[in-house]
Amino acid sequence: MEKYYLQLVRYLTVRLRDRHMAADIAHDAYVKVLEGARHDTLEYPQAYLYRTALNLVVDSHRRAAVRRSHSIEDVQAEEQPAEDAHAPHDSLYLQQRAALVSRALNELSEPCREAFLLRKIDGLAHPEIAARMGISKGMVEKHIVNAMRHCRIRVKEMEYARAGAGTLQ
């Protein structure tokens, strides 16, 4: 399945005219396919991967269109603290989720974590990360895909464990 990665990034780059966004969507598509229960039994894995990536592109465009459709008043109203009883709960949830992601990242090998953080936090491109870390671009891509997969799986596991623990108390 990984043999299609560079091809997919090139294909998405042509469609999106943005290599960084294409790489991000390719990563997300890989993670989504690899996390799916069916990826070992797919008759046409490349087609499934490309369709998943294109669906993510469509989702991205839809989210961007929704953001553009908000008026300034809507955005300002969202930025102001609402008298909503759920706001503290949402904030707590985001803090807990960030802590789960942090714990999951700490479980990764140092090179895997470093490549992921350089891409997602510092916004470096794969060639820049490869040069900085002294590894191949392909290895950077593998580290990032592995980190994303690991974090998603571990966060789900930790949330499930917390939910189970919460119902026992």
C-alpha atoms as a PDB file:
ATOM      1  CA  MET A   1       0.000   0.000   0.000  1.00  0.00           C
ATOM      2  CA  GLU A   2       2.872   2.405   0.783  1.00  0.00           C
ATOM      3  CA  LYS A   3       4.146   2.082  -2.779  1.00  0.00           C
ATOM      4  CA  TYR A   4       1.353   4.396  -3.949  1.00  0.00           C
ATOM      5  CA  TYR A   5       2.248   7.277  -1.646  1.00  0.00           C
ATOM      6  CA  LEU A   6       4.429   9.403  -3.950  1.00  0.00           C
ATOM      7  CA  GLN A   7       2.070   8.851  -6.859  1.00  0.00           C
ATOM      8  CA  LEU A   8      -0.873   9.922  -4.700  1.00  0.00           C
ATOM      9  CA  VAL A   9       0.905  13.067  -3.499  1.00  0.00           C
ATOM     10  CA  ARG A  10       1.725  14.046  -7.097  1.00  0.00           C
ATOM     11  CA  TYR A  11      -1.869  13.410  -8.165  1.00  0.00           C
ATOM     12  CA  LEU A  12      -3.270  15.479  -5.290  1.00  0.00           C
ATOM     13  CA  THR A  13      -0.712  18.251  -5.856  1.00  0.00           C
ATOM     14  CA  VAL A  14      -1.966  18.680  -9.419  1.00  0.00           C
ATOM     15  CA  ARG A  15      -5.579  18.799  -8.237  1.00  0.00           C
ATOM     16  CA  LEU A  16      -4.992  21.056  -5.224  1.00  0.00           C
ATOM     17  CA  ARG A  17      -2.045  23.128  -6.491  1.00  0.00           C
ATOM     18  CA  ASP A  18      -0.569  22.873  -2.980  1.00  0.00           C
ATOM     19  CA  ARG A  19       2.070  20.230  -2.232  1.00  0.00           C
ATOM     20  CA  HIS A  20       1.812  20.602   1.537  1.00  0.00           C
ATOM     21  CA  MET A  21      -1.941  20.178   1.544  1.00  0.00           C
ATOM     22  CA  ALA A  22      -1.584  17.241  -0.850  1.00  0.00           C
ATOM     23  CA  ALA A  23       0.901  15.561   1.510  1.00  0.00           C
ATOM     24  CA  ASP A  24      -1.399  16.140   4.492  1.00  0.00           C
ATOM     25  CA  ILE A  25      -4.393  14.684   2.688  1.00  0.00           C
ATOM     26  CA  ALA A  26      -2.328  11.734   1.453  1.00  0.00           C
ATOM     27  CA  HIS A  27      -1.261  11.042   5.052  1.00  0.00           C
ATOM     28  CA  ASP A  28      -4.830  11.275   6.283  1.00  0.00           C
ATOM     29  CA  ALA A  29      -5.997   8.951   3.494  1.00  0.00           C
ATOM     30  CA  TYR A  30      -3.321   6.401   4.361  1.00  0.00           C
ATOM     31  CA  VAL A  31      -4.220   6.491   8.035  1.00  0.00           C
ATOM     32  CA  LYS A  32      -7.920   6.164   7.266  1.00  0.00           C
ATOM     33  CA  VAL A  33      -7.332   3.188   4.955  1.00  0.00           C
ATOM     34  CA  LEU A  34      -4.847   1.509   7.290  1.00  0.00           C
ATOM     35  CA  GLU A  35      -7.163   1.913  10.277  1.00  0.00           C
ATOM     36  CA  GLY A  36     -10.051   0.435   8.311  1.00  0.00           C
ATOM     37  CA  ALA A  37     -10.720  -3.240   8.896  1.00  0.00           C
ATOM     38  CA  ARG A  38     -10.888  -3.974   5.149  1.00  0.00           C
ATOM     39  CA  HIS A  39      -7.466  -2.814   3.938  1.00  0.00           C
ATOM     40  CA  ASP A  40      -5.998  -6.354   3.847  1.00  0.00           C
ATOM     41  CA  THR A  41      -8.824  -7.724   1.708  1.00  0.00           C
ATOM     42  CA  LEU A  42      -9.189  -4.934  -0.840  1.00  0.00           C
ATOM     43  CA  GLU A  43      -9.275  -6.076  -4.438  1.00  0.00           C
ATOM     44  CA  TYR A  44      -8.103  -2.668  -5.737  1.00  0.00           C
ATOM     45  CA  PRO A  45      -6.195  -0.982  -2.884  1.00  0.00           C
ATOM     46  CA  GLN A  46      -4.862   1.856  -5.038  1.00  0.00           C
ATOM     47  CA  ALA A  47      -8.348   2.793  -6.228  1.00  0.00           C
ATOM     48  CA  TYR A  48      -9.674   2.656  -2.666  1.00  0.00           C
ATOM     49  CA  LEU A  49      -6.808   4.841  -1.430  1.00  0.00           C
ATOM     50  CA  TYR A  50      -7.350   7.408  -4.187  1.00  0.00           C
ATOM     51  CA  ARG A  51     -11.122   7.484  -3.589  1.00  0.00           C
ATOM     52  CA  THR A  52     -10.492   7.999   0.134  1.00  0.00           C
ATOM     53  CA  ALA A  53      -8.090  10.846  -0.642  1.00  0.00           C
ATOM     54  CA  LEU A  54     -10.545  12.485  -3.026  1.00  0.00           C
ATOM     55  CA  ASN A  55     -13.283  12.231  -0.397  1.00  0.00           C
ATOM     56  CA  LEU A  56     -10.971  14.004   2.043  1.00  0.00           C
ATOM     57  CA  VAL A  57     -10.348  16.726  -0.576  1.00  0.00           C
ATOM     58  CA  VAL A  58     -14.102  17.200  -0.969  1.00  0.00           C
ATOM     59  CA  ASP A  59     -14.531  17.358   2.827  1.00  0.00           C
ATOM     60  CA  SER A  60     -11.757  19.937   3.020  1.00  0.00           C
ATOM     61  CA  HIS A  61     -13.398  22.096   0.336  1.00  0.00           C
ATOM     62  CA  ARG A  62     -16.757  21.858   2.099  1.00  0.00           C
ATOM     63  CA  ARG A  63     -15.259  22.959   5.419  1.00  0.00           C
ATOM     64  CA  ALA A  64     -13.520  25.865   3.682  1.00  0.00           C
ATOM     65  CA  ALA A  65     -16.792  26.892   2.005  1.00  0.00           C
ATOM     66  CA  VAL A  66     -18.619  26.848   5.339  1.00  0.00           C
ATOM     67  CA  ARG A  67     -15.886  28.979   6.912  1.00  0.00           C
ATOM     68  CA  ARG A  68     -16.077  31.489   4.052  1.00  0.00           C
ATOM     69  CA  SER A  69     -19.859  31.703   4.388  1.00  0.00           C
ATOM     70  CA  HIS A  70     -19.687  32.966   7.986  1.00  0.00           C
ATOM     71  CA  SER A  71     -20.197  36.680   8.293  1.00  0.00           C
ATOM     72  CA  ILE A  72     -17.933  38.828  10.438  1.00  0.00           C
ATOM     73  CA  GLU A  73     -20.710  39.073  13.046  1.00  0.00           C
ATOM     74  CA  ASP A  74     -20.948  35.272  13.217  1.00  0.00           C
ATOM     75  CA  VAL A  75     -17.214  34.930  13.713  1.00  0.00           C
ATOM     76  CA  GLN A  76     -17.128  37.677  16.345  1.00  0.00           C
ATOM     77  CA  ALA A  77     -20.067  36.114  18.165  1.00  0.00           C
ATOM     78  CA  GLU A  78     -18.227  32.771  18.222  1.00  0.00           C
ATOM     79  CA  GLU A  79     -15.106  34.409  19.609  1.00  0.00           C
ATOM     80  CA  GLN A  80     -16.951  36.047  22.487  1.00  0.00           C
ATOM     81  CA  PRO A  81     -17.529  33.882  25.531  1.00  0.00           C
ATOM     82  CA  ALA A  82     -21.054  32.558  25.399  1.00  0.00           C
ATOM     83  CA  GLU A  83     -23.221  32.023  28.409  1.00  0.00           C
ATOM     84  CA  ASP A  84     -23.263  28.364  27.530  1.00  0.00           C
ATOM     85  CA  ALA A  85     -23.065  25.723  30.207  1.00  0.00           C
ATOM     86  CA  HIS A  86     -21.152  23.455  27.819  1.00  0.00           C
ATOM     87  CA  ALA A  87     -18.202  25.806  27.272  1.00  0.00           C
ATOM     88  CA  PRO A  88     -16.219  24.609  30.347  1.00  0.00           C
ATOM     89  CA  HIS A  89     -16.992  21.013  29.422  1.00  0.00           C
ATOM     90  CA  ASP A  90     -15.724  21.568  25.868  1.00  0.00           C
ATOM     91  CA  SER A  91     -12.574  23.207  27.175  1.00  0.00           C
ATOM     92  CA  LEU A  92     -11.946  20.335  29.585  1.00  0.00           C
ATOM     93  CA  TYR A  93     -12.527  17.805  26.807  1.00  0.00           C
ATOM     94  CA  LEU A  94      -9.996  19.558  24.549  1.00  0.00           C
ATOM     95  CA  GLN A  95      -7.445  19.675  27.378  1.00  0.00           C
ATOM     96  CA  GLN A  96      -7.936  15.973  28.100  1.00  0.00           C
ATOM     97  CA  ARG A  97      -7.667  15.096  24.436  1.00  0.00           C
ATOM     98  CA  ALA A  98      -4.457  17.139  24.108  1.00  0.00           C
ATOM     99  CA  ALA A  99      -3.051  15.257  27.103  1.00  0.00           C
ATOM    100  CA  LEU A 100      -3.949  11.934  25.443  1.00  0.00           C
ATOM    101  CA  VAL A 101      -2.223  12.970  22.209  1.00  0.00           C
ATOM    102  CA  SER A 102       0.817  14.100  24.187  1.00  0.00           C
ATOM    103  CA  ARG A 103       0.996  10.724  25.960  1.00  0.00           C
ATOM    104  CA  ALA A 104       0.631   8.904  22.643  1.00  0.00           C
ATOM    105  CA  LEU A 105       3.431  11.004  21.118  1.00  0.00           C
ATOM    106  CA  ASN A 106       5.676  10.193  24.069  1.00  0.00           C
ATOM    107  CA  GLU A 107       5.252   6.471  23.283  1.00  0.00           C
ATOM    108  CA  LEU A 108       6.802   6.934  19.838  1.00  0.00           C
ATOM    109  CA  SER A 109      10.468   6.505  19.011  1.00  0.00           C
ATOM    110  CA  GLU A 110      12.411   9.759  19.017  1.00  0.00           C
ATOM    111  CA  PRO A 111      12.838   9.945  15.208  1.00  0.00           C
ATOM    112  CA  CYS A 112       9.171   9.172  14.595  1.00  0.00           C
ATOM    113  CA  ARG A 113       8.022  11.823  17.093  1.00  0.00           C
ATOM    114  CA  GLU A 114      10.510  14.386  15.784  1.00  0.00           C
ATOM    115  CA  ALA A 115       9.448  13.934  12.143  1.00  0.00           C
ATOM    116  CA  PHE A 116       5.775  14.217  13.103  1.00  0.00           C
ATOM    117  CA  LEU A 117       6.291  17.373  15.193  1.00  0.00           C
ATOM    118  CA  LEU A 118       8.475  19.033  12.560  1.00  0.00           C
ATOM    119  CA  ARG A 119       5.691  18.492  10.016  1.00  0.00           C
ATOM    120  CA  LYS A 120       2.601  19.192  12.081  1.00  0.00           C
ATOM    121  CA  ILE A 121       3.880  21.827  14.526  1.00  0.00           C
ATOM    122  CA  ASP A 122       6.705  23.535  12.635  1.00  0.00           C
ATOM    123  CA  GLY A 123       5.085  23.071   9.208  1.00  0.00           C
ATOM    124  CA  LEU A 124       8.248  21.877   7.508  1.00  0.00           C
ATOM    125  CA  ALA A 125       8.038  20.067   4.182  1.00  0.00           C
ATOM    126  CA  HIS A 126       9.254  16.479   3.903  1.00  0.00           C
ATOM    127  CA  PRO A 127      12.547  17.371   2.148  1.00  0.00           C
ATOM    128  CA  GLU A 128      13.326  19.917   4.881  1.00  0.00           C
ATOM    129  CA  ILE A 129      12.616  17.354   7.598  1.00  0.00           C
ATOM    130  CA  ALA A 130      14.744  14.760   5.805  1.00  0.00           C
ATOM    131  CA  ALA A 131      17.661  17.191   5.560  1.00  0.00           C
ATOM    132  CA  ARG A 132      17.333  18.284   9.182  1.00  0.00           C
ATOM    133  CA  MET A 133      17.128  14.714  10.501  1.00  0.00           C
ATOM    134  CA  GLY A 134      19.644  13.217   8.061  1.00  0.00           C
ATOM    135  CA  ILE A 135      17.235  10.573   6.766  1.00  0.00           C
ATOM    136  CA  SER A 136      15.522   9.887   3.462  1.00  0.00           C
ATOM    137  CA  LYS A 137      12.299  11.587   2.445  1.00  0.00           C
ATOM    138  CA  GLY A 138      10.641   8.177   2.275  1.00  0.00           C
ATOM    139  CA  MET A 139      11.609   7.507   5.875  1.00  0.00           C
ATOM    140  CA  VAL A 140      10.153  10.877   6.904  1.00  0.00           C
ATOM    141  CA  GLU A 141       6.880   9.922   5.235  1.00  0.00           C
ATOM    142  CA  LYS A 142       6.828   6.540   6.995  1.00  0.00           C
ATOM    143  CA  HIS A 143       7.524   8.164  10.367  1.00  0.00           C
ATOM    144  CA  ILE A 144       4.684  10.649   9.910  1.00  0.00           C
ATOM    145  CA  VAL A 145       2.183   8.025   8.758  1.00  0.00           C
ATOM    146  CA  ASN A 146       3.173   5.738  11.641  1.00  0.00           C
ATOM    147  CA  ALA A 147       2.906   8.571  14.157  1.00  0.00           C
ATOM    148  CA  MET A 148      -0.545   9.577  12.935  1.00  0.00           C
ATOM    149  CA  ARG A 149      -1.767   5.983  13.009  1.00  0.00           C
ATOM    150  CA  HIS A 150      -0.328   5.400  16.483  1.00  0.00           C
ATOM    151  CA  CYS A 151      -1.817   8.591  17.916  1.00  0.00           C
ATOM    152  CA  ARG A 152      -5.282   7.891  16.523  1.00  0.00           C
ATOM    153  CA  ILE A 153      -5.290   4.329  17.805  1.00  0.00           C
ATOM    154  CA  ARG A 154      -3.915   5.239  21.246  1.00  0.00           C
ATOM    155  CA  VAL A 155      -6.279   8.191  21.721  1.00  0.00           C
ATOM    156  CA  LYS A 156      -9.228   5.940  20.853  1.00  0.00           C
ATOM    157  CA  GLU A 157      -7.975   3.277  23.268  1.00  0.00           C
ATOM    158  CA  MET A 158      -7.398   5.795  26.060  1.00  0.00           C
ATOM    159  CA  GLU A 159     -10.788   7.437  25.526  1.00  0.00           C
ATOM    160  CA  TYR A 160     -12.447   4.030  25.593  1.00  0.00           C
ATOM    161  CA  ALA A 161     -10.592   3.112  28.787  1.00  0.00           C
ATOM    162  CA  ARG A 162     -11.579   6.417  30.415  1.00  0.00           C
ATOM    163  CA  ALA A 163     -15.199   6.005  29.349  1.00  0.00           C
ATOM    164  CA  GLY A 164     -15.221   2.502  30.832  1.00  0.00           C
ATOM    165  CA  ALA A 165     -13.616   3.726  34.056  1.00  0.00           C
ATOM    166  CA  GLY A 166     -16.068   6.614  34.232  1.00  0.00           C
ATOM    167  CA  THR A 167     -19.091   4.331  34.131  1.00  0.00           C
ATOM    168  CA  LEU A 168     -17.791   2.193  36.986  1.00  0.00           C
ATOM    169  CA  GLN A 169     -17.561   5.027  39.454  1.00  0.00           C
END
